[in-house]
C-alpha atoms as a PDB file:
ATOM      1  CA  MET A   1      28.678   3.795   3.002  1.00  0.00           C
ATOM      2  CA  SER A   2      25.570   1.851   3.893  1.00  0.00           C
ATOM      3  CA  MET A   3      22.409   3.621   5.177  1.00  0.00           C
ATOM      4  CA  SER A   4      20.984   3.035   8.618  1.00  0.00           C
ATOM      5  CA  HIS A   5      17.533   1.335   8.935  1.00  0.00           C
ATOM      6  CA  GLN A   6      15.880   4.728   9.774  1.00  0.00           C
ATOM      7  CA  GLU A   7      17.448   6.336   6.706  1.00  0.00           C
ATOM      8  CA  ARG A   8      16.263   3.568   4.526  1.00  0.00           C
ATOM      9  CA  ALA A   9      12.755   3.747   5.941  1.00  0.00           C
ATOM     10  CA  THR A  10      12.449   7.121   4.569  1.00  0.00           C
ATOM     11  CA  GLU A  11      13.541   6.012   1.093  1.00  0.00           C
ATOM     12  CA  PRO A  12      10.530   5.387  -1.243  1.00  0.00           C
ATOM     13  CA  ILE A  13       9.875   1.630  -2.140  1.00  0.00           C
ATOM     14  CA  VAL A  14      10.335   1.175  -5.729  1.00  0.00           C
ATOM     15  CA  GLY A  15       8.317  -1.573  -7.317  1.00  0.00           C
ATOM     16  CA  TYR A  16       8.826  -3.190 -10.776  1.00  0.00           C
ATOM     17  CA  ALA A  17       6.181  -4.924 -12.801  1.00  0.00           C
ATOM     18  CA  PRO A  18       7.420  -6.600 -15.852  1.00  0.00           C
ATOM     19  CA  GLY A  19       5.309  -7.808 -18.744  1.00  0.00           C
ATOM     20  CA  ALA A  20       4.716  -7.912 -22.463  1.00  0.00           C
ATOM     21  CA  TYR A  21       1.455  -5.737 -22.143  1.00  0.00           C
ATOM     22  CA  ASP A  22       0.673  -7.062 -25.586  1.00  0.00           C
ATOM     23  CA  LEU A  23      -3.143  -6.830 -26.435  1.00  0.00           C
ATOM     24  CA  PHE A  24      -3.407  -4.754 -23.201  1.00  0.00           C
ATOM     25  CA  HIS A  25      -6.416  -6.326 -21.120  1.00  0.00           C
ATOM     26  CA  VAL A  26      -7.804  -6.154 -17.667  1.00  0.00           C
ATOM     27  CA  GLY A  27      -5.316  -8.660 -16.401  1.00  0.00           C
ATOM     28  CA  HIS A  28      -2.592  -6.317 -17.153  1.00  0.00           C
ATOM     29  CA  LEU A  29      -4.478  -3.569 -15.443  1.00  0.00           C
ATOM     30  CA  ASN A  30      -5.200  -5.523 -12.346  1.00  0.00           C
ATOM     31  CA  ILE A  31      -1.596  -6.483 -11.755  1.00  0.00           C
ATOM     32  CA  LEU A  32      -0.268  -2.962 -12.301  1.00  0.00           C
ATOM     33  CA  ARG A  33      -3.117  -1.442 -10.112  1.00  0.00           C
ATOM     34  CA  HIS A  34      -2.277  -3.939  -7.324  1.00  0.00           C
ATOM     35  CA  ALA A  35       1.479  -3.433  -7.590  1.00  0.00           C
ATOM     36  CA  SER A  36       0.910   0.282  -7.327  1.00  0.00           C
ATOM     37  CA  GLU A  37      -0.800  -0.211  -3.839  1.00  0.00           C
ATOM     38  CA  HIS A  38       2.282  -2.134  -2.599  1.00  0.00           C
ATOM     39  CA  CYS A  39       5.030   0.434  -3.444  1.00  0.00           C
ATOM     40  CA  ASP A  40       5.638   4.200  -3.632  1.00  0.00           C
ATOM     41  CA  VAL A  41       6.979   4.336  -6.997  1.00  0.00           C
ATOM     42  CA  LEU A  42       5.845   1.967  -9.636  1.00  0.00           C
ATOM     43  CA  ILE A  43       7.932   1.037 -12.620  1.00  0.00           C
ATOM     44  CA  ALA A  44       6.476  -0.923 -15.448  1.00  0.00           C
ATOM     45  CA  GLY A  45       8.874  -2.971 -17.445  1.00  0.00           C
ATOM     46  CA  VAL A  46       7.782  -3.456 -20.948  1.00  0.00           C
ATOM     47  CA  VAL A  47       9.577  -6.542 -22.544  1.00  0.00           C
ATOM     48  CA  SER A  48      10.767  -5.593 -25.937  1.00  0.00           C
ATOM     49  CA  ASP A  49       9.841  -7.042 -29.211  1.00  0.00           C
ATOM     50  CA  GLU A  50      13.316  -8.823 -29.463  1.00  0.00           C
ATOM     51  CA  MET A  51      13.111 -10.302 -26.110  1.00  0.00           C
ATOM     52  CA  LEU A  52       9.450 -11.479 -26.554  1.00  0.00           C
ATOM     53  CA  LEU A  53      10.685 -13.352 -29.790  1.00  0.00           C
ATOM     54  CA  LEU A  54      13.655 -14.845 -27.909  1.00  0.00           C
ATOM     55  CA  THR A  55      11.685 -15.701 -24.799  1.00  0.00           C
ATOM     56  CA  LYS A  56       8.218 -16.642 -26.023  1.00  0.00           C
ATOM     57  CA  GLY A  57       9.026 -17.508 -29.693  1.00  0.00           C
ATOM     58  CA  ARG A  58       6.688 -14.937 -31.097  1.00  0.00           C
ATOM     59  CA  ALA A  59       6.674 -11.200 -31.770  1.00  0.00           C
ATOM     60  CA  PRO A  60       3.974  -9.113 -30.107  1.00  0.00           C
ATOM     61  CA  VAL A  61       0.789  -7.857 -32.121  1.00  0.00           C
ATOM     62  CA  VAL A  62       1.575  -4.202 -30.786  1.00  0.00           C
ATOM     63  CA  PRO A  63       4.982  -2.660 -31.089  1.00  0.00           C
ATOM     64  CA  LEU A  64       7.126  -1.847 -27.990  1.00  0.00           C
ATOM     65  CA  ALA A  65       6.822   2.060 -28.415  1.00  0.00           C
ATOM     66  CA  GLU A  66       2.946   1.711 -28.484  1.00  0.00           C
ATOM     67  CA  ARG A  67       2.745  -0.743 -25.609  1.00  0.00           C
ATOM     68  CA  MET A  68       4.941   1.530 -23.610  1.00  0.00           C
ATOM     69  CA  GLU A  69       2.844   4.589 -24.242  1.00  0.00           C
ATOM     70  CA  ILE A  70      -0.428   2.494 -23.430  1.00  0.00           C
ATOM     71  CA  VAL A  71       1.259   1.488 -20.068  1.00  0.00           C
ATOM     72  CA  ARG A  72       2.706   4.972 -19.323  1.00  0.00           C
ATOM     73  CA  SER A  73      -0.614   6.438 -19.663  1.00  0.00           C
ATOM     74  CA  LEU A  74      -1.934   4.767 -16.528  1.00  0.00           C
ATOM     75  CA  ARG A  75      -2.180   7.071 -13.631  1.00  0.00           C
ATOM     76  CA  PHE A  76      -0.772   4.471 -11.161  1.00  0.00           C
ATOM     77  CA  VAL A  77       2.247   3.842 -13.245  1.00  0.00           C
ATOM     78  CA  ASP A  78       5.317   6.301 -12.504  1.00  0.00           C
ATOM     79  CA  ASP A  79       7.636   5.389 -15.136  1.00  0.00           C
ATOM     80  CA  VAL A  80       7.910   2.712 -17.976  1.00  0.00           C
ATOM     81  CA  HIS A  81      11.297   0.911 -18.654  1.00  0.00           C
ATOM     82  CA  ALA A  82      12.041  -0.936 -21.880  1.00  0.00           C
ATOM     83  CA  GLU A  83      13.288  -4.340 -20.837  1.00  0.00           C
ATOM     84  CA  VAL A  84      15.862  -5.310 -23.499  1.00  0.00           C
ATOM     85  CA  VAL A  85      17.738  -8.088 -21.645  1.00  0.00           C
ATOM     86  CA  PRO A  86      16.597 -11.470 -20.984  1.00  0.00           C
ATOM     87  CA  ASP A  87      17.781 -11.663 -17.325  1.00  0.00           C
ATOM     88  CA  LYS A  88      15.863  -9.728 -14.537  1.00  0.00           C
ATOM     89  CA  ILE A  89      18.745  -9.153 -12.467  1.00  0.00           C
ATOM     90  CA  ASP A  90      20.542  -7.444 -15.299  1.00  0.00           C
ATOM     91  CA  THR A  91      17.221  -5.288 -15.427  1.00  0.00           C
ATOM     92  CA  TRP A  92      17.471  -4.799 -11.676  1.00  0.00           C
ATOM     93  CA  ARG A  93      21.041  -3.411 -12.155  1.00  0.00           C
ATOM     94  CA  GLU A  94      19.807  -0.802 -14.514  1.00  0.00           C
ATOM     95  CA  VAL A  95      16.592   0.257 -12.571  1.00  0.00           C
ATOM     96  CA  ARG A  96      17.344  -0.667  -8.868  1.00  0.00           C
ATOM     97  CA  PHE A  97      13.870  -1.616  -7.654  1.00  0.00           C
ATOM     98  CA  ASP A  98      13.008  -3.025  -4.167  1.00  0.00           C
ATOM     99  CA  VAL A  99      10.082  -5.477  -5.049  1.00  0.00           C
ATOM    100  CA  ILE A 100       9.253  -7.210  -8.333  1.00  0.00           C
ATOM    101  CA  PHE A 101       5.573  -8.063  -9.120  1.00  0.00           C
ATOM    102  CA  LYS A 102       4.644 -11.119 -11.031  1.00  0.00           C
ATOM    103  CA  GLY A 103       1.429 -12.985 -11.399  1.00  0.00           C
ATOM    104  CA  ASP A 104       1.090 -16.174  -9.127  1.00  0.00           C
ATOM    105  CA  ASP A 105       1.086 -18.486 -12.232  1.00  0.00           C
ATOM    106  CA  TRP A 106       4.912 -18.044 -11.676  1.00  0.00           C
ATOM    107  CA  ARG A 107       4.757 -19.269  -7.973  1.00  0.00           C
ATOM    108  CA  GLY A 108       6.274 -22.768  -7.555  1.00  0.00           C
ATOM    109  CA  THR A 109       7.520 -23.087 -11.104  1.00  0.00           C
ATOM    110  CA  PRO A 110      11.262 -23.371 -12.097  1.00  0.00           C
ATOM    111  CA  LYS A 111      11.318 -19.871 -13.474  1.00  0.00           C
ATOM    112  CA  GLY A 112       9.464 -18.452 -10.376  1.00  0.00           C
ATOM    113  CA  ASP A 113      11.869 -20.351  -8.082  1.00  0.00           C
ATOM    114  CA  ARG A 114      14.703 -18.970 -10.037  1.00  0.00           C
ATOM    115  CA  LEU A 115      13.515 -15.554  -9.813  1.00  0.00           C
ATOM    116  CA  GLU A 116      12.996 -15.710  -6.013  1.00  0.00           C
ATOM    117  CA  HIS A 117      16.273 -17.183  -5.534  1.00  0.00           C
ATOM    118  CA  ASP A 118      18.280 -14.482  -7.630  1.00  0.00           C
ATOM    119  CA  PHE A 119      16.271 -11.611  -6.056  1.00  0.00           C
ATOM    120  CA  ALA A 120      16.723 -13.039  -2.441  1.00  0.00           C
ATOM    121  CA  GLU A 121      20.565 -12.658  -3.190  1.00  0.00           C
ATOM    122  CA  VAL A 122      20.290  -8.789  -3.820  1.00  0.00           C
ATOM    123  CA  GLY A 123      17.639  -8.094  -1.255  1.00  0.00           C
ATOM    124  CA  VAL A 124      14.695  -7.672  -3.564  1.00  0.00           C
ATOM    125  CA  ALA A 125      11.308  -9.144  -2.602  1.00  0.00           C
ATOM    126  CA  VAL A 126       9.095 -11.106  -5.099  1.00  0.00           C
ATOM    127  CA  HIS A 127       5.390 -10.407  -4.612  1.00  0.00           C
ATOM    128  CA  TYR A 128       2.758 -12.447  -6.554  1.00  0.00           C
ATOM    129  CA  PHE A 129      -0.648 -11.379  -7.447  1.00  0.00           C
ATOM    130  CA  PRO A 130      -3.540 -13.614  -8.561  1.00  0.00           C
ATOM    131  CA  TYR A 131      -3.434 -14.468 -12.221  1.00  0.00           C
ATOM    132  CA  THR A 132      -6.528 -13.260 -14.006  1.00  0.00           C
ATOM    133  CA  MET A 133      -7.807 -16.782 -15.362  1.00  0.00           C
ATOM    134  CA  HIS A 134     -10.417 -15.475 -17.752  1.00  0.00           C
ATOM    135  CA  THR A 135      -8.257 -13.340 -19.873  1.00  0.00           C
ATOM    136  CA  SER A 136      -4.814 -13.482 -21.411  1.00  0.00           C
ATOM    137  CA  SER A 137      -2.936 -12.048 -24.458  1.00  0.00           C
ATOM    138  CA  THR A 138      -2.967 -15.614 -25.734  1.00  0.00           C
ATOM    139  CA  LEU A 139      -6.636 -16.054 -25.387  1.00  0.00           C
ATOM    140  CA  LEU A 140      -7.257 -12.804 -27.206  1.00  0.00           C
ATOM    141  CA  ARG A 141      -4.760 -13.945 -30.009  1.00  0.00           C
ATOM    142  CA  LYS A 142      -6.752 -17.047 -30.371  1.00  0.00           C
ATOM    143  CA  ALA A 143     -10.122 -15.198 -30.427  1.00  0.00           C
ATOM    144  CA  LEU A 144      -8.801 -12.775 -33.128  1.00  0.00           C
ATOM    145  CA  ALA A 145      -7.402 -15.651 -35.150  1.00  0.00           C
ATOM    146  CA  SER A 146     -10.740 -17.401 -35.157  1.00  0.00           C
ATOM    147  CA  MET A 147     -12.613 -14.224 -35.983  1.00  0.00           C
ATOM    148  CA  ASP A 148     -10.215 -13.799 -39.053  1.00  0.00           C
ATOM    149  CA  ALA A 149     -10.781 -17.477 -39.883  1.00  0.00           C
ATOM    150  CA  GLU A 150     -14.627 -17.430 -40.011  1.00  0.00           C
ATOM    151  CA  PRO A 151     -15.001 -15.045 -42.863  1.00  0.00           C
ATOM    152  CA  ALA A 152     -12.365 -16.894 -44.871  1.00  0.00           C
ATOM    153  CA  ALA A 153     -14.065 -20.238 -44.163  1.00  0.00           C
ATOM    154  CA  ARG A 154     -17.621 -18.738 -45.292  1.00  0.00           C
ATOM    155  CA  ALA A 155     -16.146 -17.186 -48.493  1.00  0.00           C
ATOM    156  CA  ALA A 156     -14.527 -20.616 -49.205  1.00  0.00           C
ATOM    157  CA  GLN A 157     -17.770 -22.378 -48.834  1.00  0.00           C
ATOM    158  CA  ALA A 158     -19.703 -19.914 -50.890  1.00  0.00           C
ATOM    159  CA  LEU A 159     -17.185 -20.468 -53.726  1.00  0.00           C
ATOM    160  CA  THR A 160     -17.569 -24.301 -53.584  1.00  0.00           C
ATOM    161  CA  SER A 161     -21.423 -24.228 -53.343  1.00  0.00           C
END
């Protein structure tokens, strides 16, 4: 039995904002805050450690349970979902959201085009937000690695002097 347009209009719009949310930073905060302004219920999909290893080739710095707790604590996030499958459509079958939010670094890319195509088939809108260029978990990882390397380099230099 399908709902009429008027019945559907009274249903809350459920938004889904997937991400690793590793080394939580202002870019993560921005996408979740902006997403909450475009839906009635915001579910943050936190990608599992295993899926990050599979899709990005590296494990997160912060474990899944801790990343979920950090995201869950934000006042504009209504629920958190552990994303344990690689296909976002499979996640949609579990969660049933109306709109998915992504950074605009996905727009016009093969993965973004596939996302738009797959979700158009099930009536889910894809909404892009500006990517926060000056910060990312990758940049934070590099900064931390260089901070770790400096004391080691100084210690090695002191030993050879």
